Amino acid sequence: MRRIIGGILVVVGALLLGIGLLAKPYLYDRLAVVPLDQDSTSVSVGTGVDAIRAHVVDGESRIDKLAGVDVKSTRTIKGIPGVVRDVGVEDTDAFWQTSVQSQALVDGEYVDLSYSDAGVSVDRRTGETTNCCGDYASAGDLTDPTRVEPRTYEGQYFKFPFDTQQQDYQWWDSAVQRAEPVSFVQEDEIDGLPVYVFRQTIGPETIDALEIPGSLLSPTETGNVPVEVVYSNTRTLWVEPVTGVVIQGSEDVSATYEADGFEPVARTVGTIGFSPETVADNVETWAPKASLLSFVRDWLTLVGVVLGVVLIGVGAFLVLSGGRARPRRA
């Protein structure tokens, strides 16, 4: 019986030893990847926001200035596995399509302010953009809102790397169409989930030049007036460091129309951030996944190796001692 139990312990010990040795180079490497078929929705909200609403009334274009309104921005992300499979890079890259619909509360109902669409390919482990698969971005206007154009991205777009470090990263900003440093600020907690806080500051800088109706600048102004679009943004991101997922995000954004001789006109000015419901859902979704990855990365090797060696040693002792002949009594 001792030999049987010893043999079982040796087998179990060898299995645990193998799991421990393979935990980081095999198990963690296969778990710490973003899915090809990502499907998620997040909502950001803001109050007291100034904005411009371009719409059509009775067949004519109209632009209204909105002051101090509530706004809501709904972002959807959908992975399209076929795109990366067609290129043969599904093991390393993912292609995600993301759309953002911004709305304002006017006369008791939400009306559309803007809509954008982008297709972005990212490294499945680092989260960095790779531009492997026909990446694009919205380039539409009132006459052709669905128009898109090719786009070359850089830096992080959707998330941070797995095993995020307390350092600077490059984070893409769609307004300036480039990546800018986002810096580690401090450690924090959201509903008991440890997070790293990162912050990015951009501008103010001119990002566009165009003509707008002079009536937006002054009630007495007629015709169109050339203006510059001046943009600045302070972006704060609360990141779960094991998965690199943004649990909470906030932007203090200012985009204004500016022309000599006129006061700036707000195109979008205010603070908008993830809704409480979105933050709570992120915590509920990613806290257990972070715990699993953390265990595989930090503890499974130690537990597997130590238990494996102990069980192999005990099992070998039982096998060898069980095979010794018992002394006969005189």
Protein backbone atom coordinates (compact mmCIF):
# COMPACT_ATOMS: atom_id res chain seq x y z
CA MET A 1 0.00 0.00 0.00
CA ARG A 2 2.83 2.39 0.85
CA ARG A 3 4.34 1.84 -2.57
CA ILE A 4 1.00 2.58 -4.27
CA ILE A 5 0.49 5.80 -2.29
CA GLY A 6 4.10 6.76 -2.91
CA GLY A 7 3.70 6.23 -6.64
CA ILE A 8 0.58 8.42 -6.69
CA LEU A 9 2.41 11.17 -4.80
CA VAL A 10 5.32 11.03 -7.24
CA VAL A 11 2.96 11.39 -10.21
CA VAL A 12 1.02 14.26 -8.63
CA GLY A 13 4.26 15.94 -7.57
CA ALA A 14 5.68 15.70 -11.09
CA LEU A 15 2.47 17.20 -12.48
CA LEU A 16 2.62 20.13 -10.03
CA LEU A 17 6.31 20.63 -10.75
CA GLY A 18 5.59 20.78 -14.47
CA ILE A 19 2.76 23.26 -13.96
CA GLY A 20 5.00 25.44 -11.81
CA LEU A 21 7.83 25.43 -14.33
CA LEU A 22 5.46 26.22 -17.23
CA ALA A 23 3.32 28.82 -15.39
CA LYS A 24 5.11 31.92 -16.63
CA PRO A 25 6.53 30.90 -20.01
CA TYR A 26 3.38 29.04 -21.13
CA LEU A 27 0.21 29.61 -19.09
CA TYR A 28 0.66 33.32 -18.38
CA ASP A 29 1.81 34.01 -21.92
CA ARG A 30 -1.42 32.53 -23.28
CA LEU A 31 -3.73 34.13 -20.75
CA ALA A 32 -2.25 37.64 -20.96
CA VAL A 33 -3.62 38.48 -24.43
CA VAL A 34 -6.55 40.61 -25.57
CA PRO A 35 -9.41 38.73 -27.29
CA LEU A 36 -9.92 38.85 -31.02
CA ASP A 37 -13.69 39.12 -30.58
CA GLN A 38 -13.81 41.96 -28.05
CA ASP A 39 -17.34 43.29 -27.49
CA SER A 40 -17.81 46.09 -24.95
CA THR A 41 -19.68 49.34 -24.38
CA SER A 42 -18.75 52.21 -22.07
CA VAL A 43 -20.57 55.43 -21.27
CA SER A 44 -19.00 58.75 -20.26
CA VAL A 45 -21.00 61.67 -18.88
CA GLY A 46 -20.46 65.33 -18.14
CA THR A 47 -22.44 68.25 -16.71
CA GLY A 48 -22.16 71.96 -17.41
CA VAL A 49 -20.52 71.41 -20.78
CA ASP A 50 -20.44 74.04 -23.55
CA ALA A 51 -20.76 72.63 -27.06
CA ILE A 52 -21.71 73.27 -30.66
CA ARG A 53 -24.61 71.41 -32.25
CA ALA A 54 -24.69 71.20 -36.04
CA HIS A 55 -27.95 69.83 -37.42
CA VAL A 56 -30.47 70.23 -40.19
CA VAL A 57 -33.82 72.04 -39.80
CA ASP A 58 -36.33 72.00 -42.65
CA GLY A 59 -33.60 71.00 -45.09
CA GLU A 60 -31.20 73.77 -44.03
CA SER A 61 -28.01 73.45 -42.01
CA ARG A 62 -28.11 75.08 -38.60
CA ILE A 63 -25.51 75.53 -35.86
CA ASP A 64 -26.54 76.16 -32.25
CA LYS A 65 -24.38 77.14 -29.30
CA LEU A 66 -25.17 75.03 -26.23
CA ALA A 67 -24.14 76.32 -22.82
CA GLY A 68 -23.93 74.33 -19.60
CA VAL A 69 -25.63 71.19 -20.88
CA ASP A 70 -25.43 67.56 -19.82
CA VAL A 71 -23.58 65.40 -22.32
CA LYS A 72 -23.27 61.66 -22.84
CA SER A 73 -20.70 59.81 -24.91
CA THR A 74 -21.29 56.13 -25.76
CA ARG A 75 -18.33 54.12 -27.00
CA THR A 76 -18.57 50.63 -28.44
CA ILE A 77 -15.65 48.35 -29.25
CA LYS A 78 -16.05 45.28 -31.44
CA GLY A 79 -13.26 42.96 -32.46
CA ILE A 80 -13.23 41.71 -36.04
CA PRO A 81 -11.23 38.46 -36.03
CA GLY A 82 -11.48 37.97 -39.79
CA VAL A 83 -9.34 41.02 -40.49
CA VAL A 84 -6.24 39.70 -38.71
CA ARG A 85 -6.87 36.12 -39.85
CA ASP A 86 -6.85 37.25 -43.48
CA VAL A 87 -3.41 38.77 -42.90
CA GLY A 88 -2.22 35.78 -40.85
CA VAL A 89 -1.35 37.69 -37.68
CA GLU A 90 -4.14 36.55 -35.35
CA ASP A 91 -1.61 35.12 -32.86
CA THR A 92 0.03 38.50 -32.29
CA ASP A 93 -2.45 41.19 -33.36
CA ALA A 94 -6.11 42.10 -32.89
CA PHE A 95 -8.24 44.46 -34.97
CA TRP A 96 -10.91 46.39 -33.07
CA GLN A 97 -13.50 48.73 -34.51
CA THR A 98 -14.57 51.51 -32.18
CA SER A 99 -17.35 54.07 -32.55
CA VAL A 100 -18.18 57.04 -30.32
CA GLN A 101 -21.55 58.79 -30.32
CA SER A 102 -21.70 62.07 -28.40
CA GLN A 103 -25.05 63.58 -27.38
CA ALA A 104 -26.35 66.55 -25.39
CA LEU A 105 -29.50 66.90 -23.33
CA VAL A 106 -31.63 69.57 -25.02
CA ASP A 107 -35.24 70.24 -24.01
CA GLY A 108 -35.43 67.00 -22.07
CA GLU A 109 -34.05 64.66 -24.75
CA TYR A 110 -30.61 63.67 -25.99
CA VAL A 111 -29.67 64.99 -29.42
CA ASP A 112 -26.64 64.05 -31.49
CA LEU A 113 -23.52 66.19 -31.38
CA SER A 114 -20.97 64.03 -33.18
CA TYR A 115 -20.17 60.52 -34.30
CA SER A 116 -16.76 59.02 -35.02
CA ASP A 117 -15.58 55.63 -36.19
CA ALA A 118 -12.12 54.05 -36.24
CA GLY A 119 -10.50 50.71 -36.96
CA VAL A 120 -7.31 50.11 -34.97
CA SER A 121 -4.98 47.11 -34.86
CA VAL A 122 -3.08 46.46 -31.64
CA ASP A 123 -0.50 44.04 -30.28
CA ARG A 124 -2.43 41.46 -28.25
CA ARG A 125 0.09 41.56 -25.39
CA THR A 126 1.46 45.10 -25.20
CA GLY A 127 -1.66 46.96 -26.38
CA GLU A 128 0.47 49.10 -28.70
CA THR A 129 -0.89 50.00 -32.11
CA THR A 130 0.61 48.01 -34.99
CA ASN A 131 -1.08 49.36 -38.16
CA CYS A 132 -1.14 45.87 -39.61
CA CYS A 133 -4.57 45.68 -41.10
CA GLY A 134 -5.91 48.69 -42.95
CA ASP A 135 -6.35 50.98 -39.94
CA TYR A 136 -8.64 53.95 -40.54
CA ALA A 137 -10.44 56.88 -38.89
CA SER A 138 -13.51 59.01 -39.53
CA ALA A 139 -12.97 61.98 -41.82
CA GLY A 140 -16.59 62.94 -42.46
CA ASP A 141 -18.39 66.26 -42.31
CA LEU A 142 -21.98 67.44 -42.62
CA THR A 143 -22.06 66.66 -46.34
CA ASP A 144 -20.52 63.17 -45.98
CA PRO A 145 -20.56 62.01 -42.34
CA THR A 146 -19.59 58.41 -43.10
CA ARG A 147 -16.35 59.17 -44.95
CA VAL A 148 -13.19 57.53 -43.55
CA GLU A 149 -9.53 57.72 -44.44
CA PRO A 150 -6.44 55.56 -43.76
CA ARG A 151 -4.72 56.38 -40.51
CA THR A 152 -1.34 55.45 -39.01
CA TYR A 153 -1.59 55.18 -35.24
CA GLU A 154 1.10 55.14 -32.58
CA GLY A 155 1.38 54.38 -28.88
CA GLN A 156 -1.39 52.89 -26.73
CA TYR A 157 -4.95 53.32 -27.93
CA PHE A 158 -7.43 51.14 -26.00
CA LYS A 159 -5.40 49.94 -23.03
CA PHE A 160 -2.03 49.70 -21.34
CA PRO A 161 0.25 46.64 -21.50
CA PHE A 162 -0.32 43.62 -19.32
CA ASP A 163 1.82 44.09 -16.20
CA THR A 164 1.69 47.88 -16.47
CA GLN A 165 4.67 49.62 -14.87
CA GLN A 166 4.92 52.91 -12.99
CA GLN A 167 6.48 54.79 -15.91
CA ASP A 168 5.60 57.00 -18.86
CA TYR A 169 3.78 55.55 -21.86
CA GLN A 170 2.66 57.03 -25.17
CA TRP A 171 -1.14 57.43 -25.45
CA TRP A 172 -2.94 58.28 -28.70
CA ASP A 173 -4.99 61.49 -28.88
CA SER A 174 -7.43 61.63 -31.78
CA ALA A 175 -7.68 65.43 -31.80
CA VAL A 176 -3.97 66.07 -32.38
CA GLN A 177 -3.58 62.75 -34.28
CA ARG A 178 -0.45 61.64 -32.47
CA ALA A 179 0.65 59.91 -29.30
CA GLU A 180 1.77 62.01 -26.34
CA PRO A 181 3.34 60.95 -23.02
CA VAL A 182 0.99 59.82 -20.29
CA SER A 183 2.77 59.82 -16.93
CA PHE A 184 2.34 57.73 -13.80
CA VAL A 185 1.01 59.88 -10.94
CA GLN A 186 0.18 57.64 -7.99
CA GLU A 187 -1.36 54.41 -6.76
CA ASP A 188 -5.05 54.39 -5.88
CA GLU A 189 -8.05 52.11 -5.30
CA ILE A 190 -11.48 51.95 -6.89
CA ASP A 191 -14.01 49.89 -4.90
CA GLY A 192 -11.12 47.96 -3.37
CA LEU A 193 -9.39 47.30 -6.72
CA PRO A 194 -5.78 48.60 -6.81
CA VAL A 195 -5.12 50.90 -9.77
CA TYR A 196 -2.37 53.11 -11.13
CA VAL A 197 -3.27 56.71 -11.97
CA PHE A 198 -1.81 58.16 -15.17
CA ARG A 199 -2.20 61.70 -16.50
CA GLN A 200 -1.63 63.27 -19.92
CA THR A 201 -1.59 67.01 -20.64
CA ILE A 202 -1.88 68.32 -24.20
CA GLY A 203 -1.91 71.88 -25.52
CA PRO A 204 -3.25 74.40 -25.89
CA GLU A 205 -2.38 74.16 -29.57
CA THR A 206 -4.00 74.87 -32.92
CA ILE A 207 -5.29 71.68 -34.52
CA ASP A 208 -7.30 73.03 -37.45
CA ALA A 209 -8.19 76.11 -39.51
CA LEU A 210 -11.58 76.57 -41.12
CA GLU A 211 -14.42 79.00 -41.73
CA ILE A 212 -17.53 79.21 -39.56
CA PRO A 213 -20.64 81.43 -39.72
CA GLY A 214 -19.79 84.82 -38.29
CA SER A 215 -23.01 84.77 -36.26
CA LEU A 216 -21.37 82.24 -33.94
CA LEU A 217 -18.73 84.83 -33.06
CA SER A 218 -20.98 87.88 -32.87
CA PRO A 219 -24.73 88.51 -33.38
CA THR A 220 -23.90 91.34 -35.78
CA GLU A 221 -21.35 89.44 -37.87
CA THR A 222 -22.44 88.21 -41.31
CA GLY A 223 -20.89 85.75 -43.73
CA ASN A 224 -18.19 83.26 -42.86
CA VAL A 225 -15.16 84.07 -40.73
CA PRO A 226 -11.83 82.14 -40.79
CA VAL A 227 -10.98 80.72 -37.37
CA GLU A 228 -8.48 78.44 -35.73
CA VAL A 229 -9.49 75.50 -33.59
CA VAL A 230 -7.47 75.64 -30.36
CA TYR A 231 -7.39 72.43 -28.34
CA SER A 232 -6.19 71.37 -24.90
CA ASN A 233 -6.91 68.32 -22.79
CA THR A 234 -5.97 66.95 -19.39
CA ARG A 235 -6.66 63.22 -19.52
CA THR A 236 -6.61 61.11 -16.34
CA LEU A 237 -6.70 57.31 -16.52
CA TRP A 238 -7.12 54.83 -13.65
CA VAL A 239 -5.49 51.61 -14.85
CA GLU A 240 -5.68 48.10 -13.37
CA PRO A 241 -1.96 47.21 -13.65
CA VAL A 242 -2.15 43.41 -14.05
CA THR A 243 -4.44 43.54 -17.11
CA GLY A 244 -3.64 47.08 -18.27
CA VAL A 245 -7.36 47.87 -18.59
CA VAL A 246 -8.60 51.43 -18.05
CA ILE A 247 -11.14 51.13 -15.22
CA GLN A 248 -11.99 54.81 -15.05
CA GLY A 249 -11.18 57.74 -17.32
CA SER A 250 -11.75 61.48 -17.27
CA GLU A 251 -11.00 64.31 -19.69
CA ASP A 252 -10.93 68.03 -18.96
CA VAL A 253 -11.18 69.14 -22.57
CA SER A 254 -11.27 72.51 -24.30
CA ALA A 255 -11.74 72.98 -28.05
CA THR A 256 -12.55 76.54 -29.08
CA TYR A 257 -12.99 78.58 -32.26
CA GLU A 258 -10.69 81.61 -32.13
CA ALA A 259 -10.35 84.60 -34.47
CA ASP A 260 -8.75 88.03 -34.11
CA GLY A 261 -11.17 90.59 -32.73
CA PHE A 262 -13.62 88.06 -31.30
CA GLU A 263 -14.07 86.21 -28.04
CA PRO A 264 -13.36 82.46 -28.28
CA VAL A 265 -16.39 80.28 -28.95
CA ALA A 266 -16.60 76.88 -27.29
CA ARG A 267 -16.83 73.95 -29.65
CA THR A 268 -16.47 71.55 -26.71
CA VAL A 269 -15.46 72.80 -23.27
CA GLY A 270 -16.00 70.84 -20.06
CA THR A 271 -15.17 67.70 -18.12
CA ILE A 272 -16.45 64.28 -19.09
CA GLY A 273 -15.67 60.92 -17.50
CA PHE A 274 -16.81 57.32 -17.19
CA SER A 275 -20.27 56.98 -15.67
CA PRO A 276 -20.52 55.31 -12.22
CA GLU A 277 -22.26 52.35 -13.85
CA THR A 278 -19.41 51.88 -16.32
CA VAL A 279 -16.80 52.06 -13.56
CA ALA A 280 -18.69 49.53 -11.41
CA ASP A 281 -19.05 47.17 -14.36
CA ASN A 282 -15.33 47.47 -15.13
CA VAL A 283 -14.41 46.60 -11.55
CA GLU A 284 -16.77 43.61 -11.51
CA THR A 285 -15.45 42.35 -14.85
CA TRP A 286 -11.71 42.84 -14.42
CA ALA A 287 -11.04 42.30 -10.71
CA PRO A 288 -11.34 38.47 -10.91
CA LYS A 289 -9.36 38.34 -14.15
CA ALA A 290 -6.60 40.40 -12.56
CA SER A 291 -6.54 38.07 -9.55
CA LEU A 292 -6.21 35.01 -11.79
CA LEU A 293 -3.42 36.51 -13.89
CA SER A 294 -1.63 37.75 -10.78
CA PHE A 295 -1.75 34.28 -9.22
CA VAL A 296 -0.43 32.63 -12.39
CA ARG A 297 2.32 35.23 -12.76
CA ASP A 298 3.47 35.56 -9.15
CA TRP A 299 2.49 32.46 -7.19
CA LEU A 300 1.80 29.46 -9.40
CA THR A 301 5.50 28.86 -10.13
CA LEU A 302 6.44 28.97 -6.45
CA VAL A 303 3.49 26.86 -5.28
CA GLY A 304 3.87 24.32 -8.08
CA VAL A 305 7.62 23.87 -7.70
CA VAL A 306 7.64 23.68 -3.89
CA LEU A 307 4.66 21.33 -3.61
CA GLY A 308 5.90 19.28 -6.53
CA VAL A 309 9.34 18.74 -5.03
CA VAL A 310 7.89 17.92 -1.61
CA LEU A 311 5.39 15.39 -3.00
CA ILE A 312 8.02 13.76 -5.20
CA GLY A 313 10.34 13.43 -2.21
CA VAL A 314 7.68 11.98 0.08
CA GLY A 315 6.42 9.67 -2.65
CA ALA A 316 9.91 8.40 -3.44
CA PHE A 317 10.54 7.72 0.24
CA LEU A 318 7.33 5.70 0.52
CA VAL A 319 8.10 3.72 -2.62
CA LEU A 320 11.62 2.87 -1.53
CA SER A 321 10.77 2.11 2.08
CA GLY A 322 7.74 0.06 1.07
CA GLY A 323 9.96 -2.26 -0.92
CA ARG A 324 12.25 -3.28 1.97
CA ALA A 325 11.87 -6.78 3.36
CA ARG A 326 10.48 -6.95 6.89
CA PRO A 327 12.68 -8.80 9.47
CA ARG A 328 11.28 -12.14 10.69
CA ARG A 329 10.69 -12.78 14.35
CA ALA A 330 12.80 -15.45 16.04
